[in-house]
Amino acid sequence: MLRLFASAAPSGLQARLREVVLFSTLSPRELKVVASLIHQRQAIAGEVIFDEGEEGQAIYILFSGAVTICHQGLPESPIATIVPGRIFGELALIDGGPRSAQARAAADCDLGVMFRGDFENLMESHAAIATKISFQLARHYAGIIRHMANQSEGAR
């Protein structure tokens, strides 16, 4: 039987994006728009994804593998370890300033990359989608600030 208005199953990338908190509030149609802006990339273990001091041009989404955030040349003293489903380098969406740390693949990785220019275009062409992402980004930062505050209280 022919189904004229069957809903299309989400693409593999859309399904992966749905698992990322930054995009969790988006509808299937909105995810499709965002997926069209994501560039997929691989990194091999030990590869530098971006370096401390570089101009921030993109946000990264880790789909598989692990990424170490560290000061340049100090991968044995990580600031953070990024696991699948998490984002990193997100300050690039906000200010494009220099990277405050290095991101290095701790294992072979599958990454999604959204460039700042693409996000700015999304803000102009699909303001509602960009607003949802921006709110999730603000929640992400609120969580980081709360975590840091709790850690500093525990150190007292």
N, C-alpha and C. Protein backbone atom coordinates (compact mmCIF):
# COMPACT_ATOMS: atom_id res chain seq x y z
N MET A 1 0.85 -1.18 0.00
CA MET A 1 0.00 0.00 0.00
C MET A 1 0.89 1.25 0.00
N LEU A 2 0.58 2.19 -0.84
CA LEU A 2 1.33 3.44 -0.94
C LEU A 2 0.89 4.40 0.15
N ARG A 3 1.85 4.94 0.88
CA ARG A 3 1.53 5.91 1.93
C ARG A 3 2.07 7.26 1.48
N LEU A 4 1.17 8.17 1.17
CA LEU A 4 1.57 9.47 0.64
C LEU A 4 2.14 10.40 1.69
N PHE A 5 1.68 10.30 2.91
CA PHE A 5 2.09 11.25 3.94
C PHE A 5 2.77 10.56 5.11
N ALA A 6 3.51 9.52 4.83
CA ALA A 6 4.23 8.83 5.90
C ALA A 6 5.31 9.74 6.45
N SER A 7 5.48 9.72 7.76
CA SER A 7 6.54 10.53 8.35
C SER A 7 7.88 9.85 8.10
N ALA A 8 8.83 10.66 7.72
CA ALA A 8 10.16 10.12 7.43
C ALA A 8 10.88 9.82 8.75
N ALA A 9 11.61 8.72 8.76
CA ALA A 9 12.42 8.40 9.94
C ALA A 9 13.57 9.39 10.02
N PRO A 10 13.97 9.77 11.21
CA PRO A 10 15.09 10.72 11.32
C PRO A 10 16.37 10.12 10.76
N SER A 11 17.19 10.97 10.18
CA SER A 11 18.48 10.51 9.67
C SER A 11 19.35 10.08 10.85
N GLY A 12 20.43 9.37 10.55
CA GLY A 12 21.34 8.96 11.62
C GLY A 12 21.89 10.15 12.39
N LEU A 13 22.21 11.22 11.67
CA LEU A 13 22.73 12.41 12.34
C LEU A 13 21.66 13.05 13.22
N GLN A 14 20.44 13.12 12.73
CA GLN A 14 19.36 13.70 13.54
C GLN A 14 19.15 12.88 14.81
N ALA A 15 19.20 11.58 14.71
CA ALA A 15 19.03 10.72 15.88
C ALA A 15 20.17 10.96 16.88
N ARG A 16 21.39 11.15 16.38
CA ARG A 16 22.52 11.42 17.25
C ARG A 16 22.37 12.77 17.94
N LEU A 17 21.90 13.77 17.19
CA LEU A 17 21.72 15.11 17.75
C LEU A 17 20.65 15.12 18.83
N ARG A 18 19.61 14.32 18.65
CA ARG A 18 18.52 14.27 19.63
C ARG A 18 19.03 13.87 21.01
N GLU A 19 20.14 13.12 21.06
CA GLU A 19 20.71 12.65 22.33
C GLU A 19 21.57 13.71 23.03
N VAL A 20 21.81 14.83 22.35
CA VAL A 20 22.66 15.89 22.89
C VAL A 20 21.76 16.94 23.56
N VAL A 21 22.05 17.26 24.81
CA VAL A 21 21.20 18.18 25.58
C VAL A 21 20.97 19.50 24.85
N LEU A 22 21.97 20.00 24.17
CA LEU A 22 21.86 21.28 23.48
C LEU A 22 20.71 21.30 22.47
N PHE A 23 20.39 20.13 21.91
CA PHE A 23 19.35 20.05 20.88
C PHE A 23 18.12 19.27 21.34
N SER A 24 18.06 18.93 22.61
CA SER A 24 17.00 18.04 23.12
C SER A 24 15.60 18.64 23.08
N THR A 25 15.47 19.95 22.99
CA THR A 25 14.15 20.57 22.97
C THR A 25 13.64 20.83 21.55
N LEU A 26 14.42 20.44 20.55
CA LEU A 26 14.04 20.70 19.17
C LEU A 26 13.09 19.64 18.63
N SER A 27 12.17 20.08 17.79
CA SER A 27 11.25 19.16 17.12
C SER A 27 11.99 18.42 16.01
N PRO A 28 11.42 17.35 15.47
CA PRO A 28 12.07 16.65 14.36
C PRO A 28 12.36 17.58 13.17
N ARG A 29 11.46 18.46 12.86
CA ARG A 29 11.67 19.40 11.75
C ARG A 29 12.84 20.35 12.07
N GLU A 30 12.90 20.82 13.32
CA GLU A 30 13.98 21.71 13.73
C GLU A 30 15.33 20.98 13.74
N LEU A 31 15.31 19.71 14.18
CA LEU A 31 16.54 18.91 14.16
C LEU A 31 17.07 18.74 12.74
N LYS A 32 16.16 18.61 11.79
CA LYS A 32 16.56 18.46 10.40
C LYS A 32 17.29 19.71 9.92
N VAL A 33 16.79 20.88 10.32
CA VAL A 33 17.46 22.14 9.96
C VAL A 33 18.85 22.18 10.57
N VAL A 34 18.96 21.86 11.84
CA VAL A 34 20.25 21.89 12.53
C VAL A 34 21.21 20.86 11.92
N ALA A 35 20.70 19.67 11.63
CA ALA A 35 21.55 18.62 11.05
C ALA A 35 22.18 19.08 9.74
N SER A 36 21.48 19.93 9.00
CA SER A 36 22.03 20.41 7.73
C SER A 36 23.22 21.35 7.94
N LEU A 37 23.41 21.82 9.17
CA LEU A 37 24.51 22.74 9.49
C LEU A 37 25.70 22.04 10.16
N ILE A 38 25.53 20.78 10.50
CA ILE A 38 26.56 20.05 11.23
C ILE A 38 27.51 19.37 10.23
N HIS A 39 28.78 19.60 10.44
CA HIS A 39 29.81 18.95 9.64
C HIS A 39 30.34 17.79 10.46
N GLN A 40 30.39 16.61 9.87
CA GLN A 40 30.89 15.45 10.60
C GLN A 40 32.39 15.30 10.35
N ARG A 41 33.10 14.94 11.40
CA ARG A 41 34.55 14.86 11.37
C ARG A 41 35.02 13.73 12.27
N GLN A 42 36.15 13.15 11.94
CA GLN A 42 36.78 12.15 12.80
C GLN A 42 38.11 12.72 13.30
N ALA A 43 38.51 12.25 14.46
CA ALA A 43 39.83 12.59 15.02
C ALA A 43 40.42 11.30 15.56
N ILE A 44 41.70 11.12 15.34
CA ILE A 44 42.37 9.92 15.85
C ILE A 44 42.97 10.21 17.22
N ALA A 45 43.12 9.17 18.01
CA ALA A 45 43.66 9.32 19.36
C ALA A 45 44.97 10.11 19.33
N GLY A 46 45.06 11.12 20.19
CA GLY A 46 46.25 11.96 20.28
C GLY A 46 46.19 13.20 19.43
N GLU A 47 45.25 13.26 18.49
CA GLU A 47 45.14 14.42 17.60
C GLU A 47 44.63 15.65 18.35
N VAL A 48 45.23 16.79 18.08
CA VAL A 48 44.76 18.05 18.65
C VAL A 48 43.58 18.52 17.79
N ILE A 49 42.43 18.71 18.43
CA ILE A 49 41.23 19.16 17.73
C ILE A 49 41.26 20.67 17.59
N PHE A 50 41.59 21.35 18.67
CA PHE A 50 41.91 22.77 18.61
C PHE A 50 42.91 23.09 19.70
N ASP A 51 43.64 24.18 19.48
CA ASP A 51 44.73 24.53 20.39
C ASP A 51 44.38 25.74 21.24
N GLU A 52 44.94 25.77 22.42
CA GLU A 52 44.81 26.93 23.30
C GLU A 52 45.32 28.17 22.57
N GLY A 53 44.56 29.26 22.64
CA GLY A 53 44.94 30.50 22.00
C GLY A 53 44.39 30.69 20.60
N GLU A 54 43.96 29.61 19.95
CA GLU A 54 43.35 29.72 18.62
C GLU A 54 42.05 30.49 18.71
N GLU A 55 41.70 31.17 17.62
CA GLU A 55 40.40 31.84 17.56
C GLU A 55 39.31 30.78 17.53
N GLY A 56 38.30 30.93 18.38
CA GLY A 56 37.20 29.98 18.43
C GLY A 56 36.25 30.17 17.26
N GLN A 57 36.17 29.18 16.40
CA GLN A 57 35.32 29.27 15.22
C GLN A 57 34.16 28.29 15.22
N ALA A 58 34.16 27.32 16.15
CA ALA A 58 33.15 26.26 16.07
C ALA A 58 32.91 25.64 17.44
N ILE A 59 31.72 25.08 17.58
CA ILE A 59 31.37 24.25 18.73
C ILE A 59 31.47 22.80 18.25
N TYR A 60 31.86 21.92 19.15
CA TYR A 60 32.03 20.51 18.81
C TYR A 60 31.06 19.67 19.62
N ILE A 61 30.57 18.62 18.99
CA ILE A 61 29.70 17.64 19.64
C ILE A 61 30.41 16.31 19.55
N LEU A 62 30.58 15.64 20.68
CA LEU A 62 31.26 14.35 20.68
C LEU A 62 30.21 13.24 20.57
N PHE A 63 30.26 12.50 19.46
CA PHE A 63 29.33 11.40 19.25
C PHE A 63 29.89 10.08 19.75
N SER A 64 31.20 9.89 19.60
CA SER A 64 31.85 8.68 20.13
C SER A 64 33.30 8.99 20.40
N GLY A 65 33.89 8.22 21.32
CA GLY A 65 35.28 8.43 21.70
C GLY A 65 35.36 9.21 22.99
N ALA A 66 36.47 9.90 23.18
CA ALA A 66 36.70 10.73 24.36
C ALA A 66 37.64 11.86 23.98
N VAL A 67 37.43 13.01 24.61
CA VAL A 67 38.26 14.19 24.36
C VAL A 67 38.74 14.72 25.69
N THR A 68 40.02 15.06 25.74
CA THR A 68 40.61 15.66 26.93
C THR A 68 40.75 17.16 26.70
N ILE A 69 40.28 17.94 27.65
CA ILE A 69 40.49 19.38 27.64
C ILE A 69 41.63 19.64 28.62
N CYS A 70 42.68 20.30 28.12
CA CYS A 70 43.87 20.51 28.95
C CYS A 70 44.56 21.79 28.51
N HIS A 71 45.51 22.23 29.30
CA HIS A 71 46.35 23.34 28.86
C HIS A 71 47.34 22.77 27.84
N GLN A 72 47.72 23.60 26.91
CA GLN A 72 48.57 23.19 25.81
C GLN A 72 49.80 22.46 26.30
N GLY A 73 50.00 21.26 25.76
CA GLY A 73 51.17 20.46 26.10
C GLY A 73 51.07 19.70 27.40
N LEU A 74 49.91 19.74 28.07
CA LEU A 74 49.76 19.04 29.35
C LEU A 74 48.59 18.06 29.34
N PRO A 75 48.53 17.14 28.37
CA PRO A 75 47.39 16.21 28.31
C PRO A 75 47.31 15.27 29.50
N GLU A 76 48.43 15.10 30.22
CA GLU A 76 48.43 14.22 31.39
C GLU A 76 47.78 14.90 32.61
N SER A 77 47.47 16.20 32.51
CA SER A 77 46.80 16.94 33.58
C SER A 77 45.51 17.56 33.03
N PRO A 78 44.52 16.73 32.76
CA PRO A 78 43.30 17.26 32.11
C PRO A 78 42.49 18.18 33.02
N ILE A 79 41.90 19.18 32.39
CA ILE A 79 40.95 20.06 33.06
C ILE A 79 39.59 19.35 33.10
N ALA A 80 39.29 18.65 32.00
CA ALA A 80 38.03 17.92 31.88
C ALA A 80 38.19 16.81 30.85
N THR A 81 37.35 15.82 30.96
CA THR A 81 37.25 14.77 29.96
C THR A 81 35.83 14.80 29.42
N ILE A 82 35.72 14.90 28.10
CA ILE A 82 34.42 14.96 27.44
C ILE A 82 34.03 13.56 26.99
N VAL A 83 32.80 13.19 27.28
CA VAL A 83 32.27 11.87 26.92
C VAL A 83 31.20 12.03 25.84
N PRO A 84 30.86 10.95 25.15
CA PRO A 84 29.86 11.04 24.08
C PRO A 84 28.55 11.68 24.55
N GLY A 85 27.98 12.48 23.64
CA GLY A 85 26.74 13.18 23.93
C GLY A 85 26.95 14.56 24.50
N ARG A 86 28.20 14.93 24.75
CA ARG A 86 28.52 16.24 25.33
C ARG A 86 29.09 17.17 24.27
N ILE A 87 29.09 18.46 24.60
CA ILE A 87 29.64 19.48 23.72
C ILE A 87 30.91 20.06 24.33
N PHE A 88 31.73 20.67 23.49
CA PHE A 88 32.90 21.40 23.98
C PHE A 88 33.25 22.47 22.96
N GLY A 89 33.99 23.46 23.43
CA GLY A 89 34.35 24.59 22.57
C GLY A 89 33.20 25.54 22.34
N GLU A 90 32.20 25.48 23.22
CA GLU A 90 30.95 26.22 23.01
C GLU A 90 31.07 27.74 23.13
N LEU A 91 32.12 28.22 23.79
CA LEU A 91 32.29 29.67 23.87
C LEU A 91 32.43 30.29 22.48
N ALA A 92 32.85 29.50 21.50
CA ALA A 92 33.00 30.01 20.13
C ALA A 92 31.68 30.52 19.57
N LEU A 93 30.56 29.92 19.99
CA LEU A 93 29.26 30.40 19.50
C LEU A 93 28.93 31.77 20.06
N ILE A 94 29.47 32.08 21.22
CA ILE A 94 29.13 33.32 21.89
C ILE A 94 30.06 34.46 21.49
N ASP A 95 31.37 34.22 21.57
CA ASP A 95 32.26 35.36 21.36
C ASP A 95 33.36 35.17 20.32
N GLY A 96 33.63 33.96 19.90
CA GLY A 96 34.68 33.74 18.91
C GLY A 96 36.07 34.11 19.39
N GLY A 97 36.23 34.32 20.70
CA GLY A 97 37.53 34.70 21.25
C GLY A 97 38.51 33.54 21.23
N PRO A 98 39.71 33.78 21.74
CA PRO A 98 40.72 32.72 21.74
C PRO A 98 40.33 31.57 22.66
N ARG A 99 40.69 30.37 22.24
CA ARG A 99 40.41 29.17 23.03
C ARG A 99 41.19 29.24 24.34
N SER A 100 40.52 28.89 25.44
CA SER A 100 41.16 28.96 26.75
C SER A 100 41.92 27.69 27.10
N ALA A 101 41.77 26.65 26.28
CA ALA A 101 42.46 25.39 26.52
C ALA A 101 42.57 24.63 25.20
N GLN A 102 43.27 23.54 25.28
CA GLN A 102 43.44 22.66 24.13
C GLN A 102 42.43 21.51 24.23
N ALA A 103 41.92 21.08 23.10
CA ALA A 103 41.08 19.88 23.04
C ALA A 103 41.84 18.83 22.25
N ARG A 104 42.02 17.66 22.86
CA ARG A 104 42.81 16.59 22.25
C ARG A 104 42.02 15.29 22.32
N ALA A 105 41.98 14.57 21.22
CA ALA A 105 41.28 13.28 21.20
C ALA A 105 42.01 12.30 22.12
N ALA A 106 41.32 11.80 23.12
CA ALA A 106 41.89 10.81 24.03
C ALA A 106 41.72 9.40 23.47
N ALA A 107 40.81 9.27 22.50
CA ALA A 107 40.55 8.03 21.78
C ALA A 107 40.06 8.44 20.40
N ASP A 108 39.96 7.51 19.47
CA ASP A 108 39.39 7.84 18.17
C ASP A 108 37.99 8.38 18.39
N CYS A 109 37.65 9.46 17.68
CA CYS A 109 36.40 10.18 17.92
C CYS A 109 35.60 10.40 16.63
N ASP A 110 34.29 10.39 16.79
CA ASP A 110 33.37 10.91 15.78
C ASP A 110 32.81 12.20 16.35
N LEU A 111 32.94 13.26 15.59
CA LEU A 111 32.56 14.59 16.05
C LEU A 111 31.55 15.23 15.10
N GLY A 112 30.73 16.10 15.66
CA GLY A 112 29.92 17.02 14.89
C GLY A 112 30.47 18.41 15.13
N VAL A 113 30.50 19.23 14.09
CA VAL A 113 31.05 20.57 14.20
C VAL A 113 30.03 21.56 13.64
N MET A 114 29.73 22.60 14.43
CA MET A 114 28.89 23.70 13.93
C MET A 114 29.72 24.97 14.01
N PHE A 115 29.90 25.58 12.85
CA PHE A 115 30.70 26.81 12.81
C PHE A 115 29.88 28.01 13.27
N ARG A 116 30.56 28.95 13.85
CA ARG A 116 29.93 30.16 14.39
C ARG A 116 29.11 30.87 13.31
N GLY A 117 29.64 30.99 12.11
CA GLY A 117 28.93 31.64 11.02
C GLY A 117 27.62 30.94 10.69
N ASP A 118 27.62 29.60 10.76
CA ASP A 118 26.38 28.85 10.52
C ASP A 118 25.36 29.13 11.62
N PHE A 119 25.84 29.24 12.86
CA PHE A 119 24.92 29.54 13.96
C PHE A 119 24.36 30.96 13.81
N GLU A 120 25.19 31.90 13.41
CA GLU A 120 24.71 33.27 13.18
C GLU A 120 23.66 33.30 12.07
N ASN A 121 23.89 32.53 11.00
CA ASN A 121 22.89 32.44 9.93
C ASN A 121 21.60 31.80 10.44
N LEU A 122 21.73 30.79 11.31
CA LEU A 122 20.56 30.16 11.91
C LEU A 122 19.76 31.17 12.72
N MET A 123 20.46 32.05 13.43
CA MET A 123 19.78 33.09 14.22
C MET A 123 18.95 34.00 13.32
N GLU A 124 19.44 34.28 12.14
CA GLU A 124 18.72 35.15 11.21
C GLU A 124 17.58 34.43 10.50
N SER A 125 17.82 33.18 10.11
CA SER A 125 16.83 32.48 9.29
C SER A 125 15.83 31.65 10.10
N HIS A 126 16.22 31.18 11.27
CA HIS A 126 15.36 30.34 12.11
C HIS A 126 15.53 30.76 13.57
N ALA A 127 15.05 31.94 13.88
CA ALA A 127 15.25 32.52 15.21
C ALA A 127 14.72 31.62 16.33
N ALA A 128 13.60 30.95 16.10
CA ALA A 128 13.03 30.10 17.16
C ALA A 128 13.96 28.94 17.49
N ILE A 129 14.57 28.35 16.48
CA ILE A 129 15.51 27.24 16.71
C ILE A 129 16.73 27.76 17.46
N ALA A 130 17.30 28.87 17.00
CA ALA A 130 18.48 29.44 17.63
C ALA A 130 18.19 29.83 19.08
N THR A 131 16.97 30.31 19.34
CA THR A 131 16.60 30.66 20.71
C THR A 131 16.57 29.43 21.61
N LYS A 132 16.01 28.34 21.11
CA LYS A 132 15.98 27.10 21.90
C LYS A 132 17.39 26.61 22.21
N ILE A 133 18.26 26.66 21.22
CA ILE A 133 19.65 26.24 21.42
C ILE A 133 20.33 27.17 22.42
N SER A 134 20.09 28.47 22.29
CA SER A 134 20.71 29.44 23.20
C SER A 134 20.26 29.22 24.64
N PHE A 135 18.97 28.91 24.85
CA PHE A 135 18.50 28.62 26.21
C PHE A 135 19.18 27.38 26.77
N GLN A 136 19.34 26.36 25.94
CA GLN A 136 20.02 25.15 26.41
C GLN A 136 21.48 25.43 26.72
N LEU A 137 22.10 26.29 25.92
CA LEU A 137 23.49 26.69 26.18
C LEU A 137 23.59 27.44 27.51
N ALA A 138 22.63 28.32 27.78
CA ALA A 138 22.60 29.05 29.05
C ALA A 138 22.43 28.07 30.22
N ARG A 139 21.57 27.08 30.06
CA ARG A 139 21.39 26.06 31.11
C ARG A 139 22.68 25.28 31.33
N HIS A 140 23.37 24.99 30.23
CA HIS A 140 24.65 24.28 30.30
C HIS A 140 25.64 25.08 31.16
N TYR A 141 25.75 26.37 30.89
CA TYR A 141 26.66 27.22 31.66
C TYR A 141 26.21 27.35 33.11
N ALA A 142 24.93 27.43 33.35
CA ALA A 142 24.43 27.49 34.72
C ALA A 142 24.85 26.24 35.49
N GLY A 143 24.78 25.09 34.84
CA GLY A 143 25.21 23.84 35.48
C GLY A 143 26.70 23.86 35.81
N ILE A 144 27.51 24.39 34.90
CA ILE A 144 28.95 24.48 35.14
C ILE A 144 29.23 25.40 36.33
N ILE A 145 28.55 26.54 36.37
CA ILE A 145 28.76 27.50 37.47
C ILE A 145 28.33 26.89 38.80
N ARG A 146 27.19 26.20 38.82
CA ARG A 146 26.74 25.55 40.07
C ARG A 146 27.74 24.48 40.51
N HIS A 147 28.23 23.71 39.56
CA HIS A 147 29.21 22.66 39.88
C HIS A 147 30.47 23.27 40.49
N MET A 148 30.95 24.34 39.88
CA MET A 148 32.15 25.01 40.39
C MET A 148 31.91 25.59 41.77
N ALA A 149 30.73 26.16 42.00
CA ALA A 149 30.40 26.72 43.31
C ALA A 149 30.36 25.63 44.36
N ASN A 150 29.79 24.46 43.99
CA ASN A 150 29.73 23.34 44.95
C ASN A 150 31.12 22.82 45.26
N GLN A 151 31.99 22.78 44.26
CA GLN A 151 33.36 22.32 44.49
C GLN A 151 34.12 23.26 45.41
N SER A 152 33.91 24.57 45.21
CA SER A 152 34.64 25.53 46.05
C SER A 152 34.12 25.50 47.48
N GLU A 153 32.82 25.22 47.67
CA GLU A 153 32.28 25.10 49.03
C GLU A 153 32.86 23.87 49.73
N GLY A 154 33.05 22.79 48.97
CA GLY A 154 33.60 21.55 49.54
C GLY A 154 35.06 21.71 49.90
N ALA A 155 35.75 22.65 49.27
CA ALA A 155 37.18 22.86 49.54
C ALA A 155 37.41 23.69 50.80
N ARG A 156 36.36 24.31 51.30
CA ARG A 156 36.50 25.16 52.49
C ARG A 156 36.63 24.36 53.75
